[in-house]
Amino acid sequence: MTIDQNARARGFVLHKEARIYFDYVDQRMFGRKKSSDAARGSLILFDAYYAGLMLGLSCRKTGTNEMLDGTNFLASYPNEYEPYREYIAGMLVDAEVTALHSEDYSEQQLERSISKLLQVASPTRLSAEGMHILNLYAAGGFELLRSRMGPKPSDPSNFLIRYQGILKSEIG
């Protein structure tokens, strides 16, 4: 996947409709409605990004630059996700290598492509190009999630139950 130099992200960028879709208010998903749901307010915005990302990476679905919000919402992983940064970088590499294997690439070309995605000194372990591609997978996954979710989820419990069903149907 080639990326225009100006389009490369240095942090996490959401799908431009994710905040509205998840009723993002006061640093929390589903923050607009009052409810007795004990889980309300327990999901952070990165959880929405991660849900789209896992679906996008697993289904090998990328979005487009036009789908991305214009600004980063985080420069590095939240504390809860920090231990998984290498795992996420590995999932990105796996998705991209799978895409490259469908073309005729030599081992050296594959290694070069992988090295463009990674930057060990980065807090995310990804280069600017790797971050941008990760954001495209998150946007593509969000599109898939939104199309499969049916009615917009109203609270964390409803979202998580339905998200699990989408994961099962999409990736087995």
Protein backbone atom coordinates (compact mmCIF):
# COMPACT_ATOMS: atom_id res chain seq x y z
CA MET A 1 0.00 0.00 0.00
CA THR A 2 1.57 3.31 -1.00
CA ILE A 3 0.92 6.35 1.13
CA ASP A 4 1.20 10.00 0.17
CA GLN A 5 3.81 11.67 2.40
CA ASN A 6 1.29 14.31 3.55
CA ALA A 7 -1.29 11.69 4.54
CA ARG A 8 0.91 9.83 7.01
CA ALA A 9 -0.30 9.92 10.58
CA ARG A 10 1.94 10.09 13.60
CA GLY A 11 -0.72 8.90 16.02
CA PHE A 12 -4.09 7.23 16.22
CA VAL A 13 -6.76 8.71 13.95
CA LEU A 14 -10.41 7.71 14.13
CA HIS A 15 -12.92 7.24 11.38
CA LYS A 16 -14.50 10.67 11.02
CA GLU A 17 -17.92 9.39 12.10
CA ALA A 18 -16.83 7.28 15.10
CA ARG A 19 -17.35 9.95 17.78
CA ILE A 20 -20.94 10.54 16.67
CA TYR A 21 -21.69 6.85 16.20
CA PHE A 22 -20.52 5.97 19.71
CA ASP A 23 -22.05 9.08 21.40
CA TYR A 24 -18.64 10.19 22.60
CA VAL A 25 -18.90 12.72 25.47
CA ASP A 26 -16.57 13.55 28.36
CA GLN A 27 -13.85 11.12 27.27
CA ARG A 28 -16.30 8.18 27.22
CA MET A 29 -18.31 6.21 24.69
CA PHE A 30 -22.11 6.23 25.09
CA GLY A 31 -21.88 9.32 27.30
CA ARG A 32 -25.04 11.14 26.15
CA LYS A 33 -27.76 8.97 27.69
CA LYS A 34 -28.45 8.40 31.35
CA SER A 35 -28.85 4.74 32.21
CA SER A 36 -28.57 2.28 35.05
CA ASP A 37 -26.11 0.25 32.97
CA ALA A 38 -23.12 -0.26 35.26
CA ALA A 39 -20.81 -0.41 32.26
CA ARG A 40 -21.88 3.04 30.98
CA GLY A 41 -18.87 5.28 30.86
CA SER A 42 -16.45 2.39 31.18
CA LEU A 43 -15.40 2.42 27.53
CA ILE A 44 -12.88 4.99 26.34
CA LEU A 45 -12.59 6.31 22.80
CA PHE A 46 -9.63 4.04 22.11
CA ASP A 47 -11.93 1.07 22.74
CA ALA A 48 -13.97 2.19 19.71
CA TYR A 49 -10.78 2.50 17.65
CA TYR A 50 -9.60 -0.93 18.82
CA ALA A 51 -12.94 -2.58 17.97
CA GLY A 52 -12.70 -1.29 14.42
CA LEU A 53 -9.01 -2.14 14.22
CA MET A 54 -9.43 -5.77 15.26
CA LEU A 55 -12.23 -6.25 12.76
CA GLY A 56 -10.31 -4.47 9.99
CA LEU A 57 -7.10 -6.42 10.58
CA SER A 58 -8.87 -9.77 10.95
CA CYS A 59 -10.97 -9.27 7.82
CA ARG A 60 -8.15 -7.53 5.92
CA LYS A 61 -10.40 -4.52 5.29
CA THR A 62 -8.92 -1.04 4.92
CA GLY A 63 -10.65 2.27 4.70
CA THR A 64 -9.63 5.32 2.69
CA ASN A 65 -7.90 8.57 3.60
CA GLU A 66 -11.24 10.35 3.17
CA MET A 67 -12.76 8.25 5.98
CA LEU A 68 -10.19 9.44 8.52
CA ASP A 69 -10.76 12.32 10.91
CA GLY A 70 -8.32 15.15 10.28
CA THR A 71 -6.56 14.96 13.65
CA ASN A 72 -4.87 12.45 15.91
CA PHE A 73 -6.79 11.65 19.06
CA LEU A 74 -3.84 9.91 20.74
CA ALA A 75 -0.10 9.84 20.10
CA SER A 76 0.49 6.51 21.84
CA TYR A 77 -1.41 3.65 23.43
CA PRO A 78 -3.49 4.24 26.58
CA ASN A 79 -2.08 2.46 29.64
CA GLU A 80 -4.56 -0.41 29.32
CA TYR A 81 -3.35 -1.19 25.80
CA GLU A 82 0.39 -0.55 26.24
CA PRO A 83 1.25 -4.24 26.86
CA TYR A 84 -0.30 -5.17 23.50
CA ARG A 85 1.59 -2.76 21.22
CA GLU A 86 3.92 -5.45 19.85
CA TYR A 87 0.98 -7.80 19.29
CA ILE A 88 -0.90 -5.09 17.36
CA ALA A 89 2.21 -4.26 15.32
CA GLY A 90 2.52 -7.98 14.55
CA MET A 91 -1.10 -8.16 13.42
CA LEU A 92 -0.47 -5.24 11.08
CA VAL A 93 2.61 -6.92 9.64
CA ASP A 94 0.65 -10.17 9.20
CA ALA A 95 -2.17 -8.38 7.37
CA GLU A 96 0.23 -6.54 5.10
CA VAL A 97 2.39 -9.60 4.39
CA THR A 98 -0.76 -11.55 3.53
CA ALA A 99 -1.70 -8.79 1.08
CA LEU A 100 1.81 -8.78 -0.41
CA HIS A 101 1.86 -12.57 -0.79
CA SER A 102 -1.00 -12.24 -3.23
CA GLU A 103 1.50 -10.42 -5.46
CA ASP A 104 4.84 -11.68 -6.75
CA TYR A 105 7.30 -10.37 -4.13
CA SER A 106 10.78 -11.65 -3.37
CA GLU A 107 11.82 -12.30 0.23
CA GLN A 108 13.98 -9.17 0.14
CA GLN A 109 11.05 -7.06 -1.09
CA LEU A 110 8.86 -8.47 1.70
CA GLU A 111 11.50 -7.61 4.30
CA ARG A 112 11.80 -4.09 2.91
CA SER A 113 8.01 -3.65 3.01
CA ILE A 114 7.86 -4.88 6.60
CA SER A 115 10.69 -2.59 7.68
CA LYS A 116 8.73 0.40 6.33
CA LEU A 117 5.94 -0.39 8.80
CA LEU A 118 8.02 -0.71 11.96
CA GLN A 119 10.02 1.68 14.11
CA VAL A 120 11.20 0.04 17.33
CA ALA A 121 11.93 3.36 19.08
CA SER A 122 8.37 4.60 18.53
CA PRO A 123 5.92 4.29 21.46
CA THR A 124 3.60 2.34 19.15
CA ARG A 125 6.46 0.34 17.58
CA LEU A 126 5.22 1.59 14.20
CA SER A 127 6.63 4.06 11.70
CA ALA A 128 4.52 6.97 10.44
CA GLU A 129 3.60 4.84 7.42
CA GLY A 130 2.75 1.90 9.68
CA MET A 131 0.54 4.13 11.85
CA HIS A 132 -1.26 5.47 8.81
CA ILE A 133 -1.95 1.98 7.49
CA LEU A 134 -3.09 0.89 10.97
CA ASN A 135 -5.53 3.83 10.99
CA LEU A 136 -6.84 2.74 7.58
CA TYR A 137 -7.50 -0.76 8.93
CA ALA A 138 -9.32 0.75 11.92
CA ALA A 139 -11.45 2.88 9.58
CA GLY A 140 -12.23 -0.09 7.34
CA GLY A 141 -13.14 -2.16 10.38
CA PHE A 142 -15.39 0.62 11.66
CA GLU A 143 -17.22 0.66 8.31
CA LEU A 144 -17.69 -3.10 8.52
CA LEU A 145 -18.78 -2.89 12.16
CA ARG A 146 -21.31 -0.15 11.41
CA SER A 147 -22.76 -2.01 8.43
CA ARG A 148 -23.13 -5.28 10.40
CA MET A 149 -24.25 -3.77 13.72
CA GLY A 150 -27.80 -3.00 12.62
CA PRO A 151 -29.37 -0.36 14.84
CA LYS A 152 -26.82 1.92 16.46
CA PRO A 153 -25.78 0.54 19.88
CA SER A 154 -27.09 2.52 22.84
CA ASP A 155 -24.84 1.36 25.66
CA PRO A 156 -21.64 -0.61 26.29
CA SER A 157 -23.37 -3.90 27.11
CA ASN A 158 -25.46 -3.81 23.95
CA PHE A 159 -22.42 -2.88 21.87
CA LEU A 160 -20.15 -5.59 23.30
CA ILE A 161 -22.70 -8.38 22.89
CA ARG A 162 -23.40 -7.42 19.29
CA TYR A 163 -19.71 -6.84 18.53
CA GLN A 164 -18.92 -10.37 19.72
CA GLY A 165 -21.56 -11.67 17.32
CA ILE A 166 -20.01 -9.73 14.44
CA LEU A 167 -16.55 -11.09 15.26
CA LYS A 168 -17.87 -14.65 15.34
CA SER A 169 -19.65 -14.29 12.02
CA GLU A 170 -16.77 -12.51 10.28
CA ILE A 171 -13.74 -14.43 11.55
CA GLY A 172 -15.17 -17.59 13.00
